[in-house]
Amino acid sequence: QVQLVESGGGLVQPGGSLRLSCAASGITFSLYGMDWNRQAPGKQRELVAAISGGGRTNYADSVKGRFTISRDNAENTVYLQMNNLKPEDTGVYYCHASFMGRDPHYWGQGTQVTVSS
C-alpha cells in the first residue's frame, strides 16, 4: 500500500520560513518523480516545485528564489524549504508521486500552510 505523509505545515508571519516533509512508503522512491502542489481557497491546485528521481528540479515562477525542493532517497522523503513566505503562499500543500508521469499517481492528504500577520 502506497502512502505519502506530509508534515511541517502551520501558521507563519509574512517573511517567515517553513519546511515541509513528505515521507513515502510502498514505492521504489528513487525511481519516482516527486512534486509539491498547493491549493488556495477557491482556486485550482497548482504545481509549486518538482524533483526527478535523478535530482533535476523545476519551480513555479511565483516561488523561484524562495522555495527549494530536495529529496533524500535513503530516507524516502522529499522536502520543501519555503523562505520569505507571502500571504499568497497560503493553501493546502500536497505531495505527489508518479513514475515518469504514468498512472497510477499518488497523493498525500495535504498539510495546511497559512501566512498571515
Protein backbone atom coordinates (compact mmCIF):
# COMPACT_ATOMS: atom_id res chain seq x y z
CA GLN A 1 0.00 0.00 0.00
CA VAL A 2 1.41 3.36 -1.05
CA GLN A 3 1.39 6.15 1.49
CA LEU A 4 2.58 9.74 1.27
CA VAL A 5 2.51 11.53 4.61
CA GLU A 6 3.10 15.27 4.72
CA SER A 7 4.13 17.26 7.76
CA GLY A 8 5.53 20.67 8.66
CA GLY A 9 2.68 23.00 7.83
CA GLY A 10 1.46 25.71 10.15
CA LEU A 11 0.88 29.41 10.70
CA VAL A 12 3.75 31.76 9.93
CA GLN A 13 4.12 35.51 9.55
CA PRO A 14 5.00 37.08 6.21
CA GLY A 15 8.74 36.81 5.63
CA GLY A 16 8.98 33.67 7.71
CA SER A 17 10.04 30.16 6.79
CA LEU A 18 8.66 26.64 6.95
CA ARG A 19 9.97 23.26 5.86
CA LEU A 20 7.53 20.67 4.63
CA SER A 21 8.33 16.96 4.60
CA CYS A 22 6.70 14.10 2.73
CA ALA A 23 7.55 10.57 3.80
CA ALA A 24 6.81 7.91 1.20
CA SER A 25 6.27 4.20 1.64
CA GLY A 26 5.19 1.38 -0.66
CA ILE A 27 7.09 2.65 -3.72
CA THR A 28 10.67 2.40 -5.00
CA PHE A 29 11.19 6.00 -4.03
CA SER A 30 14.35 6.72 -6.01
CA LEU A 31 12.55 5.90 -9.26
CA TYR A 32 9.68 8.30 -8.71
CA GLY A 33 9.34 11.92 -9.62
CA MET A 34 8.08 13.87 -6.63
CA ASP A 35 6.41 17.23 -6.50
CA TRP A 36 4.62 19.65 -4.25
CA ASN A 37 1.35 21.20 -5.27
CA ARG A 38 -0.83 23.68 -3.45
CA GLN A 39 -4.45 24.68 -3.48
CA ALA A 40 -5.62 28.04 -2.19
CA PRO A 41 -9.26 28.58 -1.21
CA GLY A 42 -11.40 28.96 -4.31
CA LYS A 43 -8.52 28.23 -6.67
CA GLN A 44 -7.31 25.25 -8.65
CA ARG A 45 -4.46 23.10 -7.44
CA GLU A 46 -1.15 24.26 -8.90
CA LEU A 47 2.32 22.81 -9.19
CA VAL A 48 4.81 24.53 -6.90
CA ALA A 49 8.03 22.52 -7.28
CA ALA A 50 9.13 19.19 -8.73
CA ILE A 51 12.18 16.96 -8.46
CA SER A 52 13.03 13.97 -10.62
CA GLY A 53 14.50 10.73 -9.35
CA GLY A 54 17.87 12.00 -10.51
CA GLY A 55 17.51 15.29 -8.68
CA ARG A 56 16.56 17.64 -11.50
CA THR A 57 14.30 20.41 -10.16
CA ASN A 58 11.62 22.70 -11.54
CA TYR A 59 9.75 25.56 -9.89
CA ALA A 60 6.71 27.70 -10.47
CA ASP A 61 7.73 31.26 -11.33
CA SER A 62 5.95 32.55 -8.23
CA VAL A 63 8.28 30.64 -5.87
CA LYS A 64 11.62 30.75 -7.69
CA GLY A 65 14.36 32.03 -5.42
CA ARG A 66 12.26 31.47 -2.29
CA PHE A 67 11.44 27.74 -2.26
CA THR A 68 13.80 24.79 -2.55
CA ILE A 69 12.74 21.22 -3.19
CA SER A 70 15.07 18.38 -2.23
CA ARG A 71 14.94 14.66 -1.64
CA ASP A 72 16.67 12.06 0.50
CA ASN A 73 16.38 8.73 -1.26
CA ALA A 74 17.83 6.89 1.72
CA GLU A 75 15.00 8.24 3.91
CA ASN A 76 12.28 8.05 1.20
CA THR A 77 11.47 11.67 1.93
CA VAL A 78 11.03 14.81 -0.14
CA TYR A 79 11.27 18.27 1.37
CA LEU A 80 10.11 21.76 0.52
CA GLN A 81 12.03 24.58 2.18
CA MET A 82 9.95 27.73 1.97
CA ASN A 83 11.58 31.07 2.77
CA ASN A 84 10.32 34.65 2.61
CA LEU A 85 6.75 33.42 2.72
CA LYS A 86 3.99 35.66 1.45
CA PRO A 87 0.24 35.69 2.18
CA GLU A 88 -0.38 34.40 -1.34
CA ASP A 89 1.54 31.22 -0.44
CA THR A 90 -1.35 30.27 1.84
CA GLY A 91 -3.04 27.00 0.96
CA VAL A 92 -3.07 23.26 1.41
CA TYR A 93 0.18 21.73 0.20
CA TYR A 94 0.03 18.25 -1.29
CA CYS A 95 2.82 15.82 -2.01
CA HIS A 96 2.53 13.88 -5.27
CA ALA A 97 4.45 10.92 -6.69
CA SER A 98 4.48 9.42 -10.15
CA PHE A 99 6.70 7.11 -12.18
CA MET A 100 7.60 9.02 -15.34
CA GLY A 101 4.20 10.71 -15.27
CA ARG A 102 2.37 7.43 -15.74
CA ASP A 103 -0.65 6.12 -13.85
CA PRO A 104 -1.12 5.45 -11.05
CA HIS A 105 -0.43 8.77 -9.39
CA TYR A 106 -0.20 9.02 -5.64
CA TRP A 107 -1.19 11.94 -3.41
CA GLY A 108 -0.74 12.74 0.24
CA GLN A 109 -3.50 14.04 2.46
CA GLY A 110 -2.19 17.61 2.44
CA THR A 111 -0.82 19.99 5.05
CA GLN A 112 -2.13 23.49 5.69
CA VAL A 113 0.19 26.48 5.32
CA THR A 114 -1.14 29.85 6.44
CA VAL A 115 0.89 33.02 6.00
CA SER A 116 -0.64 35.85 7.96
CA SER A 117 0.28 38.59 10.40
